[in-house]
ModelCIF file with pLDDT and N, C-alpha, C, O atoms, coordinates in Angstrom:
data_MODEL
#
_entry.id   MODEL 
#
_entity.id                         1 
_entity.type                       polymer 
_entity.pdbx_number_of_molecules   1 
#
_entity_poly.entity_id                      1 
_entity_poly.type                           'polypeptide(L)' 
_entity_poly.nstd_linkage                   no 
_entity_poly.nstd_monomer                   no 
_entity_poly.pdbx_seq_one_letter_code       FDQFLRSRREAATRQAALAQRQLQQRAHMQEFVDRFRYK 
_entity_poly.pdbx_seq_one_letter_code_can   FDQFLRSRREAATRQAALAQRQLQQRAHMQEFVDRFRYK 
_entity_poly.pdbx_strand_id                 A 
#
loop_
_entity_poly_seq.entity_id 
_entity_poly_seq.num 
_entity_poly_seq.mon_id 
_entity_poly_seq.hetero 
1 1  PHE n 
1 2  ASP n 
1 3  GLN n 
1 4  PHE n 
1 5  LEU n 
1 6  ARG n 
1 7  SER n 
1 8  ARG n 
1 9  ARG n 
1 10 GLU n 
1 11 ALA n 
1 12 ALA n 
1 13 THR n 
1 14 ARG n 
1 15 GLN n 
1 16 ALA n 
1 17 ALA n 
1 18 LEU n 
1 19 ALA n 
1 20 GLN n 
1 21 ARG n 
1 22 GLN n 
1 23 LEU n 
1 24 GLN n 
1 25 GLN n 
1 26 ARG n 
1 27 ALA n 
1 28 HIS n 
1 29 MET n 
1 30 GLN n 
1 31 GLU n 
1 32 PHE n 
1 33 VAL n 
1 34 ASP n 
1 35 ARG n 
1 36 PHE n 
1 37 ARG n 
1 38 TYR n 
1 39 LYS n 
#
_struct_asym.id          A 
_struct_asym.entity_id   1 
#
loop_
_ma_qa_metric.id 
_ma_qa_metric.mode 
_ma_qa_metric.name 
_ma_qa_metric.software_group_id 
_ma_qa_metric.type 
1 global pLDDT . pLDDT 
2 local  pLDDT . pLDDT 
#
_ma_qa_metric_global.metric_id      1 
_ma_qa_metric_global.metric_value   85.77 
_ma_qa_metric_global.model_id       1 
_ma_qa_metric_global.ordinal_id     1 
#
loop_
_ma_qa_metric_local.label_asym_id 
_ma_qa_metric_local.label_comp_id 
_ma_qa_metric_local.label_seq_id 
_ma_qa_metric_local.metric_id 
_ma_qa_metric_local.metric_value 
_ma_qa_metric_local.model_id 
_ma_qa_metric_local.ordinal_id 
A PHE 1  2 94.00 1 1  
A ASP 2  2 95.00 1 2  
A GLN 3  2 94.00 1 3  
A PHE 4  2 93.00 1 4  
A LEU 5  2 93.00 1 5  
A ARG 6  2 93.00 1 6  
A SER 7  2 90.00 1 7  
A ARG 8  2 87.00 1 8  
A ARG 9  2 89.00 1 9  
A GLU 10 2 87.00 1 10 
A ALA 11 2 83.00 1 11 
A ALA 12 2 81.00 1 12 
A THR 13 2 85.00 1 13 
A ARG 14 2 84.00 1 14 
A GLN 15 2 82.00 1 15 
A ALA 16 2 85.00 1 16 
A ALA 17 2 86.00 1 17 
A LEU 18 2 85.00 1 18 
A ALA 19 2 83.00 1 19 
A GLN 20 2 86.00 1 20 
A ARG 21 2 87.00 1 21 
A GLN 22 2 85.00 1 22 
A LEU 23 2 87.00 1 23 
A GLN 24 2 86.00 1 24 
A GLN 25 2 86.00 1 25 
A ARG 26 2 85.00 1 26 
A ALA 27 2 87.00 1 27 
A HIS 28 2 85.00 1 28 
A MET 29 2 85.00 1 29 
A GLN 30 2 87.00 1 30 
A GLU 31 2 84.00 1 31 
A PHE 32 2 84.00 1 32 
A VAL 33 2 84.00 1 33 
A ASP 34 2 84.00 1 34 
A ARG 35 2 83.00 1 35 
A PHE 36 2 81.00 1 36 
A ARG 37 2 76.00 1 37 
A TYR 38 2 78.00 1 38 
A LYS 39 2 76.00 1 39 
#
loop_
_atom_site.group_PDB 
_atom_site.id 
_atom_site.type_symbol 
_atom_site.label_atom_id 
_atom_site.label_alt_id 
_atom_site.label_comp_id 
_atom_site.label_asym_id 
_atom_site.label_entity_id 
_atom_site.label_seq_id 
_atom_site.pdbx_PDB_ins_code 
_atom_site.Cartn_x 
_atom_site.Cartn_y 
_atom_site.Cartn_z 
_atom_site.occupancy 
_atom_site.B_iso_or_equiv 
_atom_site.pdbx_formal_charge 
_atom_site.auth_seq_id 
_atom_site.auth_comp_id 
_atom_site.auth_asym_id 
_atom_site.auth_atom_id 
_atom_site.pdbx_PDB_model_num 
ATOM 1   N N  . PHE A 1 1  ? -10.914 15.973  23.182 1.00 94.00 ? 1  PHE A N  1 
ATOM 2   C CA . PHE A 1 1  ? -12.652 16.857  22.065 1.00 94.00 ? 1  PHE A CA 1 
ATOM 3   C C  . PHE A 1 1  ? -12.235 16.812  20.622 1.00 94.00 ? 1  PHE A C  1 
ATOM 4   O O  . PHE A 1 1  ? -12.937 17.014  19.631 1.00 94.00 ? 1  PHE A O  1 
ATOM 5   N N  . ASP A 1 2  ? -10.741 16.456  20.704 1.00 95.00 ? 2  ASP A N  1 
ATOM 6   C CA . ASP A 1 2  ? -10.712 16.619  18.683 1.00 95.00 ? 2  ASP A CA 1 
ATOM 7   C C  . ASP A 1 2  ? -10.718 14.948  18.418 1.00 95.00 ? 2  ASP A C  1 
ATOM 8   O O  . ASP A 1 2  ? -11.359 14.376  17.537 1.00 95.00 ? 2  ASP A O  1 
ATOM 9   N N  . GLN A 1 3  ? -9.796  14.295  19.458 1.00 94.00 ? 3  GLN A N  1 
ATOM 10  C CA . GLN A 1 3  ? -9.618  13.060  18.719 1.00 94.00 ? 3  GLN A CA 1 
ATOM 11  C C  . GLN A 1 3  ? -10.820 12.505  19.859 1.00 94.00 ? 3  GLN A C  1 
ATOM 12  O O  . GLN A 1 3  ? -10.277 11.708  20.624 1.00 94.00 ? 3  GLN A O  1 
ATOM 13  N N  . PHE A 1 4  ? -12.020 12.662  20.129 1.00 93.00 ? 4  PHE A N  1 
ATOM 14  C CA . PHE A 1 4  ? -13.180 12.213  19.690 1.00 93.00 ? 4  PHE A CA 1 
ATOM 15  C C  . PHE A 1 4  ? -13.978 13.218  19.141 1.00 93.00 ? 4  PHE A C  1 
ATOM 16  O O  . PHE A 1 4  ? -14.815 13.675  19.919 1.00 93.00 ? 4  PHE A O  1 
ATOM 17  N N  . LEU A 1 5  ? -13.953 13.661  18.077 1.00 93.00 ? 5  LEU A N  1 
ATOM 18  C CA . LEU A 1 5  ? -14.310 13.499  17.303 1.00 93.00 ? 5  LEU A CA 1 
ATOM 19  C C  . LEU A 1 5  ? -13.462 12.907  15.615 1.00 93.00 ? 5  LEU A C  1 
ATOM 20  O O  . LEU A 1 5  ? -13.834 12.937  14.442 1.00 93.00 ? 5  LEU A O  1 
ATOM 21  N N  . ARG A 1 6  ? -12.690 12.603  16.045 1.00 93.00 ? 6  ARG A N  1 
ATOM 22  C CA . ARG A 1 6  ? -12.197 11.752  14.477 1.00 93.00 ? 6  ARG A CA 1 
ATOM 23  C C  . ARG A 1 6  ? -12.524 9.931   15.355 1.00 93.00 ? 6  ARG A C  1 
ATOM 24  O O  . ARG A 1 6  ? -12.581 9.088   14.461 1.00 93.00 ? 6  ARG A O  1 
ATOM 25  N N  . SER A 1 7  ? -12.660 9.486   16.342 1.00 90.00 ? 7  SER A N  1 
ATOM 26  C CA . SER A 1 7  ? -12.735 9.001   16.851 1.00 90.00 ? 7  SER A CA 1 
ATOM 27  C C  . SER A 1 7  ? -14.076 8.937   15.835 1.00 90.00 ? 7  SER A C  1 
ATOM 28  O O  . SER A 1 7  ? -14.239 8.421   14.730 1.00 90.00 ? 7  SER A O  1 
ATOM 29  N N  . ARG A 1 8  ? -15.164 9.881   16.934 1.00 87.00 ? 8  ARG A N  1 
ATOM 30  C CA . ARG A 1 8  ? -16.853 9.592   16.194 1.00 87.00 ? 8  ARG A CA 1 
ATOM 31  C C  . ARG A 1 8  ? -17.261 9.541   14.503 1.00 87.00 ? 8  ARG A C  1 
ATOM 32  O O  . ARG A 1 8  ? -18.329 9.013   14.196 1.00 87.00 ? 8  ARG A O  1 
ATOM 33  N N  . ARG A 1 9  ? -16.158 10.245  13.178 1.00 89.00 ? 9  ARG A N  1 
ATOM 34  C CA . ARG A 1 9  ? -16.428 10.276  12.514 1.00 89.00 ? 9  ARG A CA 1 
ATOM 35  C C  . ARG A 1 9  ? -15.717 8.939   11.953 1.00 89.00 ? 9  ARG A C  1 
ATOM 36  O O  . ARG A 1 9  ? -15.970 9.089   10.758 1.00 89.00 ? 9  ARG A O  1 
ATOM 37  N N  . GLU A 1 10 ? -14.797 7.403   12.054 1.00 87.00 ? 10 GLU A N  1 
ATOM 38  C CA . GLU A 1 10 ? -14.828 6.905   12.108 1.00 87.00 ? 10 GLU A CA 1 
ATOM 39  C C  . GLU A 1 10 ? -15.559 6.200   12.163 1.00 87.00 ? 10 GLU A C  1 
ATOM 40  O O  . GLU A 1 10 ? -15.924 5.661   11.118 1.00 87.00 ? 10 GLU A O  1 
ATOM 41  N N  . ALA A 1 11 ? -16.299 5.751   13.732 1.00 83.00 ? 11 ALA A N  1 
ATOM 42  C CA . ALA A 1 11 ? -17.556 5.499   13.895 1.00 83.00 ? 11 ALA A CA 1 
ATOM 43  C C  . ALA A 1 11 ? -18.634 4.488   12.939 1.00 83.00 ? 11 ALA A C  1 
ATOM 44  O O  . ALA A 1 11 ? -18.912 3.321   12.662 1.00 83.00 ? 11 ALA A O  1 
ATOM 45  N N  . ALA A 1 12 ? -19.164 6.631   12.560 1.00 81.00 ? 12 ALA A N  1 
ATOM 46  C CA . ALA A 1 12 ? -20.546 6.977   11.770 1.00 81.00 ? 12 ALA A CA 1 
ATOM 47  C C  . ALA A 1 12 ? -19.789 5.974   10.478 1.00 81.00 ? 12 ALA A C  1 
ATOM 48  O O  . ALA A 1 12 ? -20.421 5.201   9.758  1.00 81.00 ? 12 ALA A O  1 
ATOM 49  N N  . THR A 1 13 ? -18.629 6.165   10.428 1.00 85.00 ? 13 THR A N  1 
ATOM 50  C CA . THR A 1 13 ? -17.825 5.433   8.713  1.00 85.00 ? 13 THR A CA 1 
ATOM 51  C C  . THR A 1 13 ? -18.276 4.211   8.557  1.00 85.00 ? 13 THR A C  1 
ATOM 52  O O  . THR A 1 13 ? -19.140 3.974   7.714  1.00 85.00 ? 13 THR A O  1 
ATOM 53  N N  . ARG A 1 14 ? -17.555 2.887   9.654  1.00 84.00 ? 14 ARG A N  1 
ATOM 54  C CA . ARG A 1 14 ? -18.160 1.608   9.980  1.00 84.00 ? 14 ARG A CA 1 
ATOM 55  C C  . ARG A 1 14 ? -19.672 1.895   10.060 1.00 84.00 ? 14 ARG A C  1 
ATOM 56  O O  . ARG A 1 14 ? -20.224 1.279   9.148  1.00 84.00 ? 14 ARG A O  1 
ATOM 57  N N  . GLN A 1 15 ? -20.477 2.533   10.736 1.00 82.00 ? 15 GLN A N  1 
ATOM 58  C CA . GLN A 1 15 ? -21.979 2.575   10.815 1.00 82.00 ? 15 GLN A CA 1 
ATOM 59  C C  . GLN A 1 15 ? -22.400 2.168   9.661  1.00 82.00 ? 15 GLN A C  1 
ATOM 60  O O  . GLN A 1 15 ? -23.249 1.356   9.293  1.00 82.00 ? 15 GLN A O  1 
ATOM 61  N N  . ALA A 1 16 ? -21.312 3.201   8.901  1.00 85.00 ? 16 ALA A N  1 
ATOM 62  C CA . ALA A 1 16 ? -22.851 3.788   7.554  1.00 85.00 ? 16 ALA A CA 1 
ATOM 63  C C  . ALA A 1 16 ? -22.581 1.910   6.458  1.00 85.00 ? 16 ALA A C  1 
ATOM 64  O O  . ALA A 1 16 ? -23.241 1.038   5.892  1.00 85.00 ? 16 ALA A O  1 
ATOM 65  N N  . ALA A 1 17 ? -21.167 2.287   6.786  1.00 86.00 ? 17 ALA A N  1 
ATOM 66  C CA . ALA A 1 17 ? -20.489 0.678   5.503  1.00 86.00 ? 17 ALA A CA 1 
ATOM 67  C C  . ALA A 1 17 ? -21.656 -0.536  6.386  1.00 86.00 ? 17 ALA A C  1 
ATOM 68  O O  . ALA A 1 17 ? -22.309 -1.315  5.691  1.00 86.00 ? 17 ALA A O  1 
ATOM 69  N N  . LEU A 1 18 ? -21.719 -0.544  7.096  1.00 85.00 ? 18 LEU A N  1 
ATOM 70  C CA . LEU A 1 18 ? -22.551 -1.587  8.135  1.00 85.00 ? 18 LEU A CA 1 
ATOM 71  C C  . LEU A 1 18 ? -24.048 -1.326  7.725  1.00 85.00 ? 18 LEU A C  1 
ATOM 72  O O  . LEU A 1 18 ? -24.827 -2.279  7.749  1.00 85.00 ? 18 LEU A O  1 
ATOM 73  N N  . ALA A 1 19 ? -24.419 -0.263  7.407  1.00 83.00 ? 19 ALA A N  1 
ATOM 74  C CA . ALA A 1 19 ? -26.225 -0.543  7.233  1.00 83.00 ? 19 ALA A CA 1 
ATOM 75  C C  . ALA A 1 19 ? -26.285 -0.564  5.631  1.00 83.00 ? 19 ALA A C  1 
ATOM 76  O O  . ALA A 1 19 ? -27.314 -0.854  5.022  1.00 83.00 ? 19 ALA A O  1 
ATOM 77  N N  . GLN A 1 20 ? -25.068 -0.224  5.010  1.00 86.00 ? 20 GLN A N  1 
ATOM 78  C CA . GLN A 1 20 ? -25.078 -0.723  3.099  1.00 86.00 ? 20 GLN A CA 1 
ATOM 79  C C  . GLN A 1 20 ? -25.357 -1.577  3.140  1.00 86.00 ? 20 GLN A C  1 
ATOM 80  O O  . GLN A 1 20 ? -26.424 -1.833  2.580  1.00 86.00 ? 20 GLN A O  1 
ATOM 81  N N  . ARG A 1 21 ? -24.556 -2.762  3.887  1.00 87.00 ? 21 ARG A N  1 
ATOM 82  C CA . ARG A 1 21 ? -24.290 -3.999  4.043  1.00 87.00 ? 21 ARG A CA 1 
ATOM 83  C C  . ARG A 1 21 ? -25.598 -4.897  3.962  1.00 87.00 ? 21 ARG A C  1 
ATOM 84  O O  . ARG A 1 21 ? -25.959 -5.794  3.200  1.00 87.00 ? 21 ARG A O  1 
ATOM 85  N N  . GLN A 1 22 ? -26.368 -4.040  5.493  1.00 85.00 ? 22 GLN A N  1 
ATOM 86  C CA . GLN A 1 22 ? -27.243 -5.102  5.534  1.00 85.00 ? 22 GLN A CA 1 
ATOM 87  C C  . GLN A 1 22 ? -27.974 -4.971  4.638  1.00 85.00 ? 22 GLN A C  1 
ATOM 88  O O  . GLN A 1 22 ? -28.642 -5.869  4.125  1.00 85.00 ? 22 GLN A O  1 
ATOM 89  N N  . LEU A 1 23 ? -27.918 -2.741  4.029  1.00 87.00 ? 23 LEU A N  1 
ATOM 90  C CA . LEU A 1 23 ? -29.679 -2.954  2.740  1.00 87.00 ? 23 LEU A CA 1 
ATOM 91  C C  . LEU A 1 23 ? -29.330 -3.988  1.408  1.00 87.00 ? 23 LEU A C  1 
ATOM 92  O O  . LEU A 1 23 ? -29.879 -4.613  0.501  1.00 87.00 ? 23 LEU A O  1 
ATOM 93  N N  . GLN A 1 24 ? -27.900 -3.656  2.042  1.00 86.00 ? 24 GLN A N  1 
ATOM 94  C CA . GLN A 1 24 ? -27.302 -4.948  0.617  1.00 86.00 ? 24 GLN A CA 1 
ATOM 95  C C  . GLN A 1 24 ? -27.925 -6.541  0.126  1.00 86.00 ? 24 GLN A C  1 
ATOM 96  O O  . GLN A 1 24 ? -28.248 -7.112  -0.916 1.00 86.00 ? 24 GLN A O  1 
ATOM 97  N N  . GLN A 1 25 ? -27.851 -6.840  1.685  1.00 86.00 ? 25 GLN A N  1 
ATOM 98  C CA . GLN A 1 25 ? -28.544 -8.080  2.240  1.00 86.00 ? 25 GLN A CA 1 
ATOM 99  C C  . GLN A 1 25 ? -29.681 -8.186  2.218  1.00 86.00 ? 25 GLN A C  1 
ATOM 100 O O  . GLN A 1 25 ? -30.209 -8.951  1.411  1.00 86.00 ? 25 GLN A O  1 
ATOM 101 N N  . ARG A 1 26 ? -30.386 -7.473  3.074  1.00 85.00 ? 26 ARG A N  1 
ATOM 102 C CA . ARG A 1 26 ? -31.543 -7.278  2.845  1.00 85.00 ? 26 ARG A CA 1 
ATOM 103 C C  . ARG A 1 26 ? -32.703 -7.269  1.240  1.00 85.00 ? 26 ARG A C  1 
ATOM 104 O O  . ARG A 1 26 ? -33.879 -7.629  1.290  1.00 85.00 ? 26 ARG A O  1 
ATOM 105 N N  . ALA A 1 27 ? -32.239 -6.941  0.381  1.00 87.00 ? 27 ALA A N  1 
ATOM 106 C CA . ALA A 1 27 ? -32.251 -6.022  -0.978 1.00 87.00 ? 27 ALA A CA 1 
ATOM 107 C C  . ALA A 1 27 ? -32.710 -7.862  -1.379 1.00 87.00 ? 27 ALA A C  1 
ATOM 108 O O  . ALA A 1 27 ? -33.783 -8.359  -1.721 1.00 87.00 ? 27 ALA A O  1 
ATOM 109 N N  . HIS A 1 28 ? -31.320 -8.481  -1.132 1.00 85.00 ? 28 HIS A N  1 
ATOM 110 C CA . HIS A 1 28 ? -31.056 -9.531  -2.335 1.00 85.00 ? 28 HIS A CA 1 
ATOM 111 C C  . HIS A 1 28 ? -31.964 -11.028 -0.965 1.00 85.00 ? 28 HIS A C  1 
ATOM 112 O O  . HIS A 1 28 ? -32.148 -12.245 -1.012 1.00 85.00 ? 28 HIS A O  1 
ATOM 113 N N  . MET A 1 29 ? -32.121 -10.424 -0.424 1.00 85.00 ? 29 MET A N  1 
ATOM 114 C CA . MET A 1 29 ? -33.086 -11.860 0.309  1.00 85.00 ? 29 MET A CA 1 
ATOM 115 C C  . MET A 1 29 ? -34.717 -11.889 -0.146 1.00 85.00 ? 29 MET A C  1 
ATOM 116 O O  . MET A 1 29 ? -35.451 -12.840 -0.417 1.00 85.00 ? 29 MET A O  1 
ATOM 117 N N  . GLN A 1 30 ? -35.008 -10.136 -0.106 1.00 87.00 ? 30 GLN A N  1 
ATOM 118 C CA . GLN A 1 30 ? -36.330 -9.520  -0.473 1.00 87.00 ? 30 GLN A CA 1 
ATOM 119 C C  . GLN A 1 30 ? -36.533 -10.356 -2.019 1.00 87.00 ? 30 GLN A C  1 
ATOM 120 O O  . GLN A 1 30 ? -37.662 -10.797 -2.236 1.00 87.00 ? 30 GLN A O  1 
ATOM 121 N N  . GLU A 1 31 ? -35.636 -10.536 -2.905 1.00 84.00 ? 31 GLU A N  1 
ATOM 122 C CA . GLU A 1 31 ? -35.900 -10.692 -3.898 1.00 84.00 ? 31 GLU A CA 1 
ATOM 123 C C  . GLU A 1 31 ? -35.420 -12.399 -3.903 1.00 84.00 ? 31 GLU A C  1 
ATOM 124 O O  . GLU A 1 31 ? -35.719 -12.865 -5.002 1.00 84.00 ? 31 GLU A O  1 
ATOM 125 N N  . PHE A 1 32 ? -35.049 -13.001 -3.389 1.00 84.00 ? 32 PHE A N  1 
ATOM 126 C CA . PHE A 1 32 ? -34.960 -14.424 -3.594 1.00 84.00 ? 32 PHE A CA 1 
ATOM 127 C C  . PHE A 1 32 ? -36.884 -15.236 -3.061 1.00 84.00 ? 32 PHE A C  1 
ATOM 128 O O  . PHE A 1 32 ? -37.513 -16.248 -3.369 1.00 84.00 ? 32 PHE A O  1 
ATOM 129 N N  . VAL A 1 33 ? -37.154 -13.821 -1.998 1.00 84.00 ? 33 VAL A N  1 
ATOM 130 C CA . VAL A 1 33 ? -38.745 -14.602 -1.448 1.00 84.00 ? 33 VAL A CA 1 
ATOM 131 C C  . VAL A 1 33 ? -39.177 -13.900 -2.414 1.00 84.00 ? 33 VAL A C  1 
ATOM 132 O O  . VAL A 1 33 ? -39.784 -14.672 -3.156 1.00 84.00 ? 33 VAL A O  1 
ATOM 133 N N  . ASP A 1 34 ? -39.204 -12.830 -2.835 1.00 84.00 ? 34 ASP A N  1 
ATOM 134 C CA . ASP A 1 34 ? -39.920 -12.280 -4.570 1.00 84.00 ? 34 ASP A CA 1 
ATOM 135 C C  . ASP A 1 34 ? -39.750 -13.524 -5.370 1.00 84.00 ? 34 ASP A C  1 
ATOM 136 O O  . ASP A 1 34 ? -40.776 -14.183 -5.199 1.00 84.00 ? 34 ASP A O  1 
ATOM 137 N N  . ARG A 1 35 ? -39.287 -13.878 -5.819 1.00 83.00 ? 35 ARG A N  1 
ATOM 138 C CA . ARG A 1 35 ? -39.120 -14.942 -6.946 1.00 83.00 ? 35 ARG A CA 1 
ATOM 139 C C  . ARG A 1 35 ? -39.361 -16.016 -6.617 1.00 83.00 ? 35 ARG A C  1 
ATOM 140 O O  . ARG A 1 35 ? -40.201 -16.635 -7.270 1.00 83.00 ? 35 ARG A O  1 
ATOM 141 N N  . PHE A 1 36 ? -39.092 -16.278 -6.144 1.00 81.00 ? 36 PHE A N  1 
ATOM 142 C CA . PHE A 1 36 ? -39.364 -17.890 -5.162 1.00 81.00 ? 36 PHE A CA 1 
ATOM 143 C C  . PHE A 1 36 ? -40.647 -18.381 -4.625 1.00 81.00 ? 36 PHE A C  1 
ATOM 144 O O  . PHE A 1 36 ? -41.241 -19.456 -4.707 1.00 81.00 ? 36 PHE A O  1 
ATOM 145 N N  . ARG A 1 37 ? -40.839 -17.470 -4.162 1.00 76.00 ? 37 ARG A N  1 
ATOM 146 C CA . ARG A 1 37 ? -42.241 -17.687 -2.628 1.00 76.00 ? 37 ARG A CA 1 
ATOM 147 C C  . ARG A 1 37 ? -43.601 -19.055 -3.418 1.00 76.00 ? 37 ARG A C  1 
ATOM 148 O O  . ARG A 1 37 ? -43.764 -20.248 -3.161 1.00 76.00 ? 37 ARG A O  1 
ATOM 149 N N  . TYR A 1 38 ? -44.057 -18.456 -4.044 1.00 78.00 ? 38 TYR A N  1 
ATOM 150 C CA . TYR A 1 38 ? -44.610 -19.352 -4.772 1.00 78.00 ? 38 TYR A CA 1 
ATOM 151 C C  . TYR A 1 38 ? -44.496 -20.324 -5.659 1.00 78.00 ? 38 TYR A C  1 
ATOM 152 O O  . TYR A 1 38 ? -45.432 -20.764 -6.326 1.00 78.00 ? 38 TYR A O  1 
ATOM 153 N N  . LYS A 1 39 ? -43.413 -20.678 -5.702 1.00 76.00 ? 39 LYS A N  1 
ATOM 154 C CA . LYS A 1 39 ? -42.307 -21.794 -6.681 1.00 76.00 ? 39 LYS A CA 1 
ATOM 155 C C  . LYS A 1 39 ? -41.963 -23.306 -5.403 1.00 76.00 ? 39 LYS A C  1 
ATOM 156 O O  . LYS A 1 39 ? -41.246 -24.248 -5.740 1.00 76.00 ? 39 LYS A O  1 
#
């Protein structure tokens, strides 16, 4: 059980980092679309 808790925390940390990177990627792509979609 203790090893499970450690592994789950580590997986949650990796997942949170991945989600944050995706949010940044989405924001960057959306910014490009908003700026240039009518150019």
